[in-house]
Amino acid sequence: MSSHVIAQTWYMTQRQLMAIIRQPVFLAISLVQPVIWLFLFGNLFKKVVELGGFGTTSYLDYLIPGIVVMSALGSSMWAGMGTLEEIERGTLNRFLTTPVSRNALMNANVVQNGISTAVQSVIIVLLGWAAGATYPGGAGGLLILLVASILLGTVFGALSNALGMLVRRRESIIGINTFLLLPLTFLSSSFMAPSQMPSWMRQIAEFNPVNWAMVAGRSALTAQPDWGLVLSRGGALLALAVVAVWLSTRTFRSYQKSV
């Protein structure tokens, strides 16, 4: 990627970040659900670790990676709404008449989503630490959890952008996201250890990218990480992110030809 495209990508990313910063209410609301999960679920299910299979005696330690990953999923799945808003206002079409790189237009969405996910993840980790969570994997484990959440956010953010350009209807995006969010969350090890899940749920979770991010992040945060799990799940997420970004780019090119 040339320095020219990188500079344009950063400019477009800053533009999107400023739009988010100007909506402090939106920023506050985006953290409400993770806080509810952290303090409500953390206290409600704290004795569930006595069942075994969690790899820790603290349910909060088990829950934090799940909340980080679920927050990345929840925020990135609505990226297509922003794309749809740009289309409806005519902003995207106006940019298409300028010399700005088409790659920069799409890359900015990915970068902005990654930065937003990273900031949100750091806040959740700090809230968890304040509530008493420990991170035996240290800074390295936290970094891997952060990268896993960003990769997952990239996957669903890119797919959401592609969806926004394809359907161009808010109702369709809301319906699809609502349909997918709960199954993706609960068909994973977000709240419950795999050994305590029904066998059919464990089998589905093996193919769930949300679970890949959780497994990679959780393993990295233990005192003795299973690097095979970290690398295999992280590699699968990276490959899926590349495919999702490619699909989003192809969809954008199709949209460009239609206007």
C-alpha atoms as a PDB file:
ATOM      1  CA  MET A   1       0.000   0.000   0.000  1.00  0.00           C
ATOM      2  CA  SER A   2       1.476   3.367  -1.051  1.00  0.00           C
ATOM      3  CA  SER A   3       2.065   6.220   1.398  1.00  0.00           C
ATOM      4  CA  HIS A   4      -0.543   8.204  -0.559  1.00  0.00           C
ATOM      5  CA  VAL A   5      -3.250   5.595   0.117  1.00  0.00           C
ATOM      6  CA  ILE A   6      -2.170   5.293   3.773  1.00  0.00           C
ATOM      7  CA  ALA A   7      -2.454   9.077   4.247  1.00  0.00           C
ATOM      8  CA  GLN A   8      -5.912   9.137   2.655  1.00  0.00           C
ATOM      9  CA  THR A   9      -7.012   6.141   4.734  1.00  0.00           C
ATOM     10  CA  TRP A  10      -5.948   7.891   7.931  1.00  0.00           C
ATOM     11  CA  TYR A  11      -7.746  11.083   6.883  1.00  0.00           C
ATOM     12  CA  MET A  12     -10.968   9.172   6.229  1.00  0.00           C
ATOM     13  CA  THR A  13     -10.527   7.262   9.496  1.00  0.00           C
ATOM     14  CA  GLN A  14     -10.158  10.515  11.451  1.00  0.00           C
ATOM     15  CA  ARG A  15     -13.345  11.783   9.847  1.00  0.00           C
ATOM     16  CA  GLN A  16     -15.264   8.734  11.047  1.00  0.00           C
ATOM     17  CA  LEU A  17     -13.724   8.862  14.527  1.00  0.00           C
ATOM     18  CA  MET A  18     -14.690  12.521  14.918  1.00  0.00           C
ATOM     19  CA  ALA A  19     -18.281  11.649  14.023  1.00  0.00           C
ATOM     20  CA  ILE A  20     -18.298   9.122  16.892  1.00  0.00           C
ATOM     21  CA  ILE A  21     -16.643  11.498  19.366  1.00  0.00           C
ATOM     22  CA  ARG A  22     -19.314  14.114  18.637  1.00  0.00           C
ATOM     23  CA  GLN A  23     -21.912  11.672  19.974  1.00  0.00           C
ATOM     24  CA  PRO A  24     -20.962  11.169  23.658  1.00  0.00           C
ATOM     25  CA  VAL A  25     -24.341   9.610  24.391  1.00  0.00           C
ATOM     26  CA  PHE A  26     -23.632   6.888  21.837  1.00  0.00           C
ATOM     27  CA  LEU A  27     -20.227   6.257  23.438  1.00  0.00           C
ATOM     28  CA  ALA A  28     -21.832   5.915  26.871  1.00  0.00           C
ATOM     29  CA  ILE A  29     -24.578   3.590  25.630  1.00  0.00           C
ATOM     30  CA  SER A  30     -22.042   1.352  23.872  1.00  0.00           C
ATOM     31  CA  LEU A  31     -20.483   0.605  27.279  1.00  0.00           C
ATOM     32  CA  VAL A  32     -23.741   0.017  29.153  1.00  0.00           C
ATOM     33  CA  GLN A  33     -24.217  -3.556  27.963  1.00  0.00           C
ATOM     34  CA  PRO A  34     -20.629  -4.684  28.770  1.00  0.00           C
ATOM     35  CA  VAL A  35     -20.971  -3.170  32.247  1.00  0.00           C
ATOM     36  CA  ILE A  36     -24.247  -5.056  32.760  1.00  0.00           C
ATOM     37  CA  TRP A  37     -22.610  -8.309  31.655  1.00  0.00           C
ATOM     38  CA  LEU A  38     -19.611  -7.644  33.879  1.00  0.00           C
ATOM     39  CA  PHE A  39     -21.361  -6.820  37.132  1.00  0.00           C
ATOM     40  CA  LEU A  40     -24.726  -8.572  36.711  1.00  0.00           C
ATOM     41  CA  PHE A  41     -23.610 -11.845  35.122  1.00  0.00           C
ATOM     42  CA  GLY A  42     -20.355 -11.796  37.075  1.00  0.00           C
ATOM     43  CA  ASN A  43     -22.253 -11.852  40.357  1.00  0.00           C
ATOM     44  CA  LEU A  44     -25.212 -13.942  39.219  1.00  0.00           C
ATOM     45  CA  PHE A  45     -23.092 -16.876  37.985  1.00  0.00           C
ATOM     46  CA  LYS A  46     -20.012 -16.536  40.192  1.00  0.00           C
ATOM     47  CA  LYS A  47     -20.605 -19.926  41.871  1.00  0.00           C
ATOM     48  CA  VAL A  48     -20.922 -21.758  38.565  1.00  0.00           C
ATOM     49  CA  VAL A  49     -17.138 -22.334  38.523  1.00  0.00           C
ATOM     50  CA  GLU A  50     -17.712 -24.944  41.249  1.00  0.00           C
ATOM     51  CA  LEU A  51     -19.040 -27.206  38.479  1.00  0.00           C
ATOM     52  CA  GLY A  52     -15.508 -27.440  37.098  1.00  0.00           C
ATOM     53  CA  GLY A  53     -14.032 -27.082  33.630  1.00  0.00           C
ATOM     54  CA  PHE A  54     -13.513 -23.323  33.756  1.00  0.00           C
ATOM     55  CA  GLY A  55      -9.771 -23.467  34.335  1.00  0.00           C
ATOM     56  CA  THR A  56     -10.037 -20.920  37.155  1.00  0.00           C
ATOM     57  CA  THR A  57     -11.651 -20.512  40.553  1.00  0.00           C
ATOM     58  CA  SER A  58     -12.908 -17.024  39.647  1.00  0.00           C
ATOM     59  CA  TYR A  59     -15.858 -16.725  37.295  1.00  0.00           C
ATOM     60  CA  LEU A  60     -14.951 -13.083  36.730  1.00  0.00           C
ATOM     61  CA  ASP A  61     -11.562 -14.126  35.318  1.00  0.00           C
ATOM     62  CA  TYR A  62     -13.392 -16.474  32.954  1.00  0.00           C
ATOM     63  CA  LEU A  63     -16.016 -13.912  32.002  1.00  0.00           C
ATOM     64  CA  ILE A  64     -13.806 -10.922  31.086  1.00  0.00           C
ATOM     65  CA  PRO A  65     -12.469 -12.357  27.751  1.00  0.00           C
ATOM     66  CA  GLY A  66     -16.033 -13.279  26.823  1.00  0.00           C
ATOM     67  CA  ILE A  67     -17.292  -9.760  27.487  1.00  0.00           C
ATOM     68  CA  VAL A  68     -14.429  -8.230  25.481  1.00  0.00           C
ATOM     69  CA  VAL A  69     -15.193 -10.475  22.516  1.00  0.00           C
ATOM     70  CA  MET A  70     -18.975 -10.039  22.733  1.00  0.00           C
ATOM     71  CA  SER A  71     -18.582  -6.267  22.860  1.00  0.00           C
ATOM     72  CA  ALA A  72     -16.423  -6.359  19.742  1.00  0.00           C
ATOM     73  CA  LEU A  73     -19.094  -8.469  18.043  1.00  0.00           C
ATOM     74  CA  GLY A  74     -21.989  -6.297  19.154  1.00  0.00           C
ATOM     75  CA  SER A  75     -20.460  -2.997  18.040  1.00  0.00           C
ATOM     76  CA  SER A  76     -19.017  -4.225  14.731  1.00  0.00           C
ATOM     77  CA  MET A  77     -22.242  -5.843  13.536  1.00  0.00           C
ATOM     78  CA  TRP A  78     -23.814  -2.382  13.259  1.00  0.00           C
ATOM     79  CA  ALA A  79     -21.058  -0.933  11.059  1.00  0.00           C
ATOM     80  CA  GLY A  80     -23.308  -1.373   8.045  1.00  0.00           C
ATOM     81  CA  MET A  81     -25.745   1.155   9.498  1.00  0.00           C
ATOM     82  CA  GLY A  82     -23.060   3.819   9.226  1.00  0.00           C
ATOM     83  CA  THR A  83     -22.377   2.825   5.632  1.00  0.00           C
ATOM     84  CA  LEU A  84     -26.094   2.946   4.869  1.00  0.00           C
ATOM     85  CA  GLU A  85     -26.340   6.413   6.442  1.00  0.00           C
ATOM     86  CA  GLU A  86     -23.478   7.624   4.227  1.00  0.00           C
ATOM     87  CA  ILE A  87     -25.309   6.271   1.183  1.00  0.00           C
ATOM     88  CA  GLU A  88     -28.641   7.858   2.181  1.00  0.00           C
ATOM     89  CA  ARG A  89     -27.067  11.266   2.810  1.00  0.00           C
ATOM     90  CA  GLY A  90     -25.178  11.072  -0.478  1.00  0.00           C
ATOM     91  CA  THR A  91     -21.829  11.454   1.281  1.00  0.00           C
ATOM     92  CA  LEU A  92     -20.377   8.256  -0.153  1.00  0.00           C
ATOM     93  CA  ASN A  93     -21.433   9.168  -3.683  1.00  0.00           C
ATOM     94  CA  ARG A  94     -19.812  12.599  -3.343  1.00  0.00           C
ATOM     95  CA  PHE A  95     -16.529  10.992  -2.296  1.00  0.00           C
ATOM     96  CA  LEU A  96     -16.713   8.797  -5.386  1.00  0.00           C
ATOM     97  CA  THR A  97     -16.511  11.944  -7.530  1.00  0.00           C
ATOM     98  CA  THR A  98     -13.234  13.002  -5.846  1.00  0.00           C
ATOM     99  CA  PRO A  99      -9.699  11.695  -6.475  1.00  0.00           C
ATOM    100  CA  VAL A 100      -9.636   9.936  -3.079  1.00  0.00           C
ATOM    101  CA  SER A 101      -8.506   6.312  -3.304  1.00  0.00           C
ATOM    102  CA  ARG A 102     -11.342   3.790  -3.361  1.00  0.00           C
ATOM    103  CA  ASN A 103      -9.227   1.510  -1.161  1.00  0.00           C
ATOM    104  CA  ALA A 104      -8.911   4.354   1.361  1.00  0.00           C
ATOM    105  CA  LEU A 105     -12.709   4.697   1.517  1.00  0.00           C
ATOM    106  CA  MET A 106     -13.111   1.044   2.474  1.00  0.00           C
ATOM    107  CA  ASN A 107      -9.947   0.683   4.574  1.00  0.00           C
ATOM    108  CA  ALA A 108     -11.051   3.602   6.752  1.00  0.00           C
ATOM    109  CA  ASN A 109     -14.084   1.604   7.907  1.00  0.00           C
ATOM    110  CA  VAL A 110     -11.844  -1.290   8.933  1.00  0.00           C
ATOM    111  CA  VAL A 111      -9.311   0.930  10.733  1.00  0.00           C
ATOM    112  CA  GLN A 112     -11.989   2.954  12.532  1.00  0.00           C
ATOM    113  CA  ASN A 113     -13.715  -0.223  13.676  1.00  0.00           C
ATOM    114  CA  GLY A 114     -10.398  -1.638  14.904  1.00  0.00           C
ATOM    115  CA  ILE A 115      -9.573   1.495  16.905  1.00  0.00           C
ATOM    116  CA  SER A 116     -13.058   1.633  18.438  1.00  0.00           C
ATOM    117  CA  THR A 117     -12.885  -2.058  19.372  1.00  0.00           C
ATOM    118  CA  ALA A 118      -9.434  -1.611  20.927  1.00  0.00           C
ATOM    119  CA  VAL A 119     -10.545   1.326  23.086  1.00  0.00           C
ATOM    120  CA  GLN A 120     -13.693  -0.468  24.195  1.00  0.00           C
ATOM    121  CA  SER A 121     -11.702  -3.619  25.039  1.00  0.00           C
ATOM    122  CA  VAL A 122      -9.177  -1.702  27.140  1.00  0.00           C
ATOM    123  CA  ILE A 123     -11.988  -0.050  29.116  1.00  0.00           C
ATOM    124  CA  ILE A 124     -13.623  -3.429  29.810  1.00  0.00           C
ATOM    125  CA  VAL A 125     -10.298  -4.943  30.929  1.00  0.00           C
ATOM    126  CA  LEU A 126      -9.739  -2.023  33.305  1.00  0.00           C
ATOM    127  CA  LEU A 127     -13.283  -2.306  34.688  1.00  0.00           C
ATOM    128  CA  GLY A 128     -12.724  -6.030  35.214  1.00  0.00           C
ATOM    129  CA  TRP A 129      -9.457  -5.351  37.025  1.00  0.00           C
ATOM    130  CA  ALA A 130     -11.201  -2.803  39.242  1.00  0.00           C
ATOM    131  CA  ALA A 131     -13.863  -5.428  40.039  1.00  0.00           C
ATOM    132  CA  GLY A 132     -11.205  -7.931  41.105  1.00  0.00           C
ATOM    133  CA  ALA A 133     -10.300  -9.848  37.945  1.00  0.00           C
ATOM    134  CA  THR A 134      -6.741 -11.114  37.596  1.00  0.00           C
ATOM    135  CA  TYR A 135      -4.818 -11.660  34.385  1.00  0.00           C
ATOM    136  CA  PRO A 136      -2.160 -14.360  34.928  1.00  0.00           C
ATOM    137  CA  GLY A 137      -1.095 -14.117  31.264  1.00  0.00           C
ATOM    138  CA  GLY A 138       0.059 -10.547  31.878  1.00  0.00           C
ATOM    139  CA  ALA A 139       0.463  -7.868  29.242  1.00  0.00           C
ATOM    140  CA  GLY A 140       1.183 -10.428  26.514  1.00  0.00           C
ATOM    141  CA  GLY A 141      -2.055 -12.281  27.175  1.00  0.00           C
ATOM    142  CA  LEU A 142      -4.041  -9.045  27.234  1.00  0.00           C
ATOM    143  CA  LEU A 143      -2.475  -8.007  23.930  1.00  0.00           C
ATOM    144  CA  ILE A 144      -3.499 -11.296  22.319  1.00  0.00           C
ATOM    145  CA  LEU A 145      -7.040 -10.877  23.646  1.00  0.00           C
ATOM    146  CA  LEU A 146      -7.068  -7.361  22.199  1.00  0.00           C
ATOM    147  CA  VAL A 147      -5.846  -8.577  18.792  1.00  0.00           C
ATOM    148  CA  ALA A 148      -8.411 -11.402  18.772  1.00  0.00           C
ATOM    149  CA  SER A 149     -11.240  -8.955  19.493  1.00  0.00           C
ATOM    150  CA  ILE A 150     -10.007  -6.590  16.768  1.00  0.00           C
ATOM    151  CA  LEU A 151      -9.843  -9.438  14.234  1.00  0.00           C
ATOM    152  CA  LEU A 152     -13.366 -10.534  15.152  1.00  0.00           C
ATOM    153  CA  GLY A 153     -14.565  -6.935  14.882  1.00  0.00           C
ATOM    154  CA  THR A 154     -12.911  -6.689  11.466  1.00  0.00           C
ATOM    155  CA  VAL A 155     -14.711  -9.834  10.287  1.00  0.00           C
ATOM    156  CA  PHE A 156     -18.192  -8.709  11.269  1.00  0.00           C
ATOM    157  CA  GLY A 157     -17.572  -5.028  10.562  1.00  0.00           C
ATOM    158  CA  ALA A 158     -16.520  -5.816   6.981  1.00  0.00           C
ATOM    159  CA  LEU A 159     -19.459  -8.196   6.503  1.00  0.00           C
ATOM    160  CA  SER A 160     -21.837  -5.588   7.932  1.00  0.00           C
ATOM    161  CA  ASN A 161     -20.500  -2.957   5.519  1.00  0.00           C
ATOM    162  CA  ALA A 162     -20.997  -5.373   2.639  1.00  0.00           C
ATOM    163  CA  LEU A 163     -24.533  -6.041   3.833  1.00  0.00           C
ATOM    164  CA  GLY A 164     -25.274  -2.326   4.058  1.00  0.00           C
ATOM    165  CA  MET A 165     -24.233  -1.782   0.444  1.00  0.00           C
ATOM    166  CA  LEU A 166     -26.191  -4.803  -0.744  1.00  0.00           C
ATOM    167  CA  VAL A 167     -29.561  -4.456   0.998  1.00  0.00           C
ATOM    168  CA  ARG A 168     -29.590  -0.653   1.545  1.00  0.00           C
ATOM    169  CA  ARG A 169     -32.444  -0.997   4.047  1.00  0.00           C
ATOM    170  CA  ARG A 170     -32.194  -0.368   7.792  1.00  0.00           C
ATOM    171  CA  GLU A 171     -34.905  -2.906   8.578  1.00  0.00           C
ATOM    172  CA  SER A 172     -32.978  -5.673   6.823  1.00  0.00           C
ATOM    173  CA  ILE A 173     -29.748  -4.915   8.704  1.00  0.00           C
ATOM    174  CA  ILE A 174     -31.575  -4.743  12.051  1.00  0.00           C
ATOM    175  CA  GLY A 175     -33.403  -8.007  11.354  1.00  0.00           C
ATOM    176  CA  ILE A 176     -30.304  -9.921  10.288  1.00  0.00           C
ATOM    177  CA  ASN A 177     -28.213  -8.624  13.204  1.00  0.00           C
ATOM    178  CA  THR A 178     -30.937  -9.420  15.721  1.00  0.00           C
ATOM    179  CA  PHE A 179     -31.271 -12.914  14.283  1.00  0.00           C
ATOM    180  CA  LEU A 180     -27.517 -13.635  14.437  1.00  0.00           C
ATOM    181  CA  LEU A 181     -26.371 -11.892  17.629  1.00  0.00           C
ATOM    182  CA  LEU A 182     -27.835 -14.207  20.271  1.00  0.00           C
ATOM    183  CA  PRO A 183     -26.983 -17.519  18.521  1.00  0.00           C
ATOM    184  CA  LEU A 184     -23.412 -16.376  17.897  1.00  0.00           C
ATOM    185  CA  THR A 185     -23.092 -15.370  21.565  1.00  0.00           C
ATOM    186  CA  PHE A 186     -24.695 -18.341  23.267  1.00  0.00           C
ATOM    187  CA  LEU A 187     -23.350 -20.980  20.866  1.00  0.00           C
ATOM    188  CA  SER A 188     -19.917 -20.188  22.273  1.00  0.00           C
ATOM    189  CA  SER A 189     -18.080 -20.453  25.570  1.00  0.00           C
ATOM    190  CA  SER A 190     -18.933 -16.879  26.516  1.00  0.00           C
ATOM    191  CA  PHE A 191     -20.717 -17.709  29.787  1.00  0.00           C
ATOM    192  CA  MET A 192     -20.232 -21.436  30.244  1.00  0.00           C
ATOM    193  CA  ALA A 193     -17.263 -23.783  30.103  1.00  0.00           C
ATOM    194  CA  PRO A 194     -17.386 -26.103  27.065  1.00  0.00           C
ATOM    195  CA  SER A 195     -17.356 -29.178  29.328  1.00  0.00           C
ATOM    196  CA  GLN A 196     -20.658 -28.007  30.836  1.00  0.00           C
ATOM    197  CA  MET A 197     -22.337 -27.442  27.474  1.00  0.00           C
ATOM    198  CA  PRO A 198     -24.442 -30.031  25.589  1.00  0.00           C
ATOM    199  CA  SER A 199     -22.367 -31.936  23.048  1.00  0.00           C
ATOM    200  CA  TRP A 200     -24.240 -30.477  20.063  1.00  0.00           C
ATOM    201  CA  MET A 201     -23.503 -26.946  21.302  1.00  0.00           C
ATOM    202  CA  ARG A 202     -19.799 -27.782  21.727  1.00  0.00           C
ATOM    203  CA  GLN A 203     -19.676 -29.055  18.161  1.00  0.00           C
ATOM    204  CA  ILE A 204     -21.284 -25.913  16.764  1.00  0.00           C
ATOM    205  CA  ALA A 205     -18.992 -23.724  18.892  1.00  0.00           C
ATOM    206  CA  GLU A 206     -15.972 -25.301  17.177  1.00  0.00           C
ATOM    207  CA  PHE A 207     -17.030 -23.557  13.956  1.00  0.00           C
ATOM    208  CA  ASN A 208     -18.118 -20.281  15.560  1.00  0.00           C
ATOM    209  CA  PRO A 209     -15.613 -17.435  14.944  1.00  0.00           C
ATOM    210  CA  VAL A 210     -16.860 -15.720  18.107  1.00  0.00           C
ATOM    211  CA  ASN A 211     -15.727 -18.775  20.051  1.00  0.00           C
ATOM    212  CA  TRP A 212     -12.369 -18.762  18.238  1.00  0.00           C
ATOM    213  CA  ALA A 213     -11.668 -15.291  19.600  1.00  0.00           C
ATOM    214  CA  MET A 214     -12.749 -16.280  23.102  1.00  0.00           C
ATOM    215  CA  VAL A 215     -10.639 -19.449  23.129  1.00  0.00           C
ATOM    216  CA  ALA A 216      -7.550 -17.615  21.847  1.00  0.00           C
ATOM    217  CA  GLY A 217      -7.953 -14.763  24.332  1.00  0.00           C
ATOM    218  CA  ARG A 218      -8.781 -16.959  27.324  1.00  0.00           C
ATOM    219  CA  SER A 219      -5.918 -19.346  26.703  1.00  0.00           C
ATOM    220  CA  ALA A 220      -3.440 -16.481  26.311  1.00  0.00           C
ATOM    221  CA  LEU A 221      -4.568 -15.019  29.642  1.00  0.00           C
ATOM    222  CA  THR A 222      -3.865 -18.187  31.639  1.00  0.00           C
ATOM    223  CA  ALA A 223      -0.619 -18.739  33.526  1.00  0.00           C
ATOM    224  CA  GLN A 224       0.297 -21.531  31.077  1.00  0.00           C
ATOM    225  CA  PRO A 225      -1.217 -20.701  27.670  1.00  0.00           C
ATOM    226  CA  ASP A 226      -1.946 -23.416  25.127  1.00  0.00           C
ATOM    227  CA  TRP A 227      -0.134 -21.806  22.207  1.00  0.00           C
ATOM    228  CA  GLY A 228      -1.531 -24.387  19.809  1.00  0.00           C
ATOM    229  CA  LEU A 229      -5.034 -23.143  20.562  1.00  0.00           C
ATOM    230  CA  VAL A 230      -3.970 -19.501  20.449  1.00  0.00           C
ATOM    231  CA  LEU A 231      -2.239 -19.812  17.080  1.00  0.00           C
ATOM    232  CA  SER A 232      -4.832 -22.064  15.422  1.00  0.00           C
ATOM    233  CA  ARG A 233      -7.834 -19.981  16.479  1.00  0.00           C
ATOM    234  CA  GLY A 234      -6.023 -16.707  15.891  1.00  0.00           C
ATOM    235  CA  GLY A 235      -4.878 -17.869  12.448  1.00  0.00           C
ATOM    236  CA  ALA A 236      -8.426 -18.893  11.537  1.00  0.00           C
ATOM    237  CA  LEU A 237      -9.679 -15.462  12.595  1.00  0.00           C
ATOM    238  CA  LEU A 238      -6.999 -13.722  10.545  1.00  0.00           C
ATOM    239  CA  ALA A 239      -7.869 -15.762   7.448  1.00  0.00           C
ATOM    240  CA  LEU A 240     -11.575 -15.047   7.909  1.00  0.00           C
ATOM    241  CA  ALA A 241     -10.855 -11.328   8.368  1.00  0.00           C
ATOM    242  CA  VAL A 242      -8.931 -11.239   5.074  1.00  0.00           C
ATOM    243  CA  VAL A 243     -11.833 -12.945   3.272  1.00  0.00           C
ATOM    244  CA  ALA A 244     -14.398 -10.603   4.855  1.00  0.00           C
ATOM    245  CA  VAL A 245     -12.427  -7.474   3.890  1.00  0.00           C
ATOM    246  CA  TRP A 246     -12.010  -8.820   0.339  1.00  0.00           C
ATOM    247  CA  LEU A 247     -15.757  -9.471   0.114  1.00  0.00           C
ATOM    248  CA  SER A 248     -16.517  -5.981   1.429  1.00  0.00           C
ATOM    249  CA  THR A 249     -14.174  -4.461  -1.162  1.00  0.00           C
ATOM    250  CA  ARG A 250     -15.800  -6.436  -3.967  1.00  0.00           C
ATOM    251  CA  THR A 251     -19.244  -5.325  -2.799  1.00  0.00           C
ATOM    252  CA  PHE A 252     -18.064  -1.720  -2.726  1.00  0.00           C
ATOM    253  CA  ARG A 253     -16.844  -1.973  -6.312  1.00  0.00           C
ATOM    254  CA  SER A 254     -20.201  -3.379  -7.360  1.00  0.00           C
ATOM    255  CA  TYR A 255     -21.933  -0.501  -5.588  1.00  0.00           C
ATOM    256  CA  GLN A 256     -19.624   1.984  -7.317  1.00  0.00           C
ATOM    257  CA  LYS A 257     -20.640   0.642 -10.719  1.00  0.00           C
ATOM    258  CA  SER A 258     -24.327   0.965  -9.834  1.00  0.00           C
ATOM    259  CA  VAL A 259     -24.207   4.726  -9.166  1.00  0.00           C
END
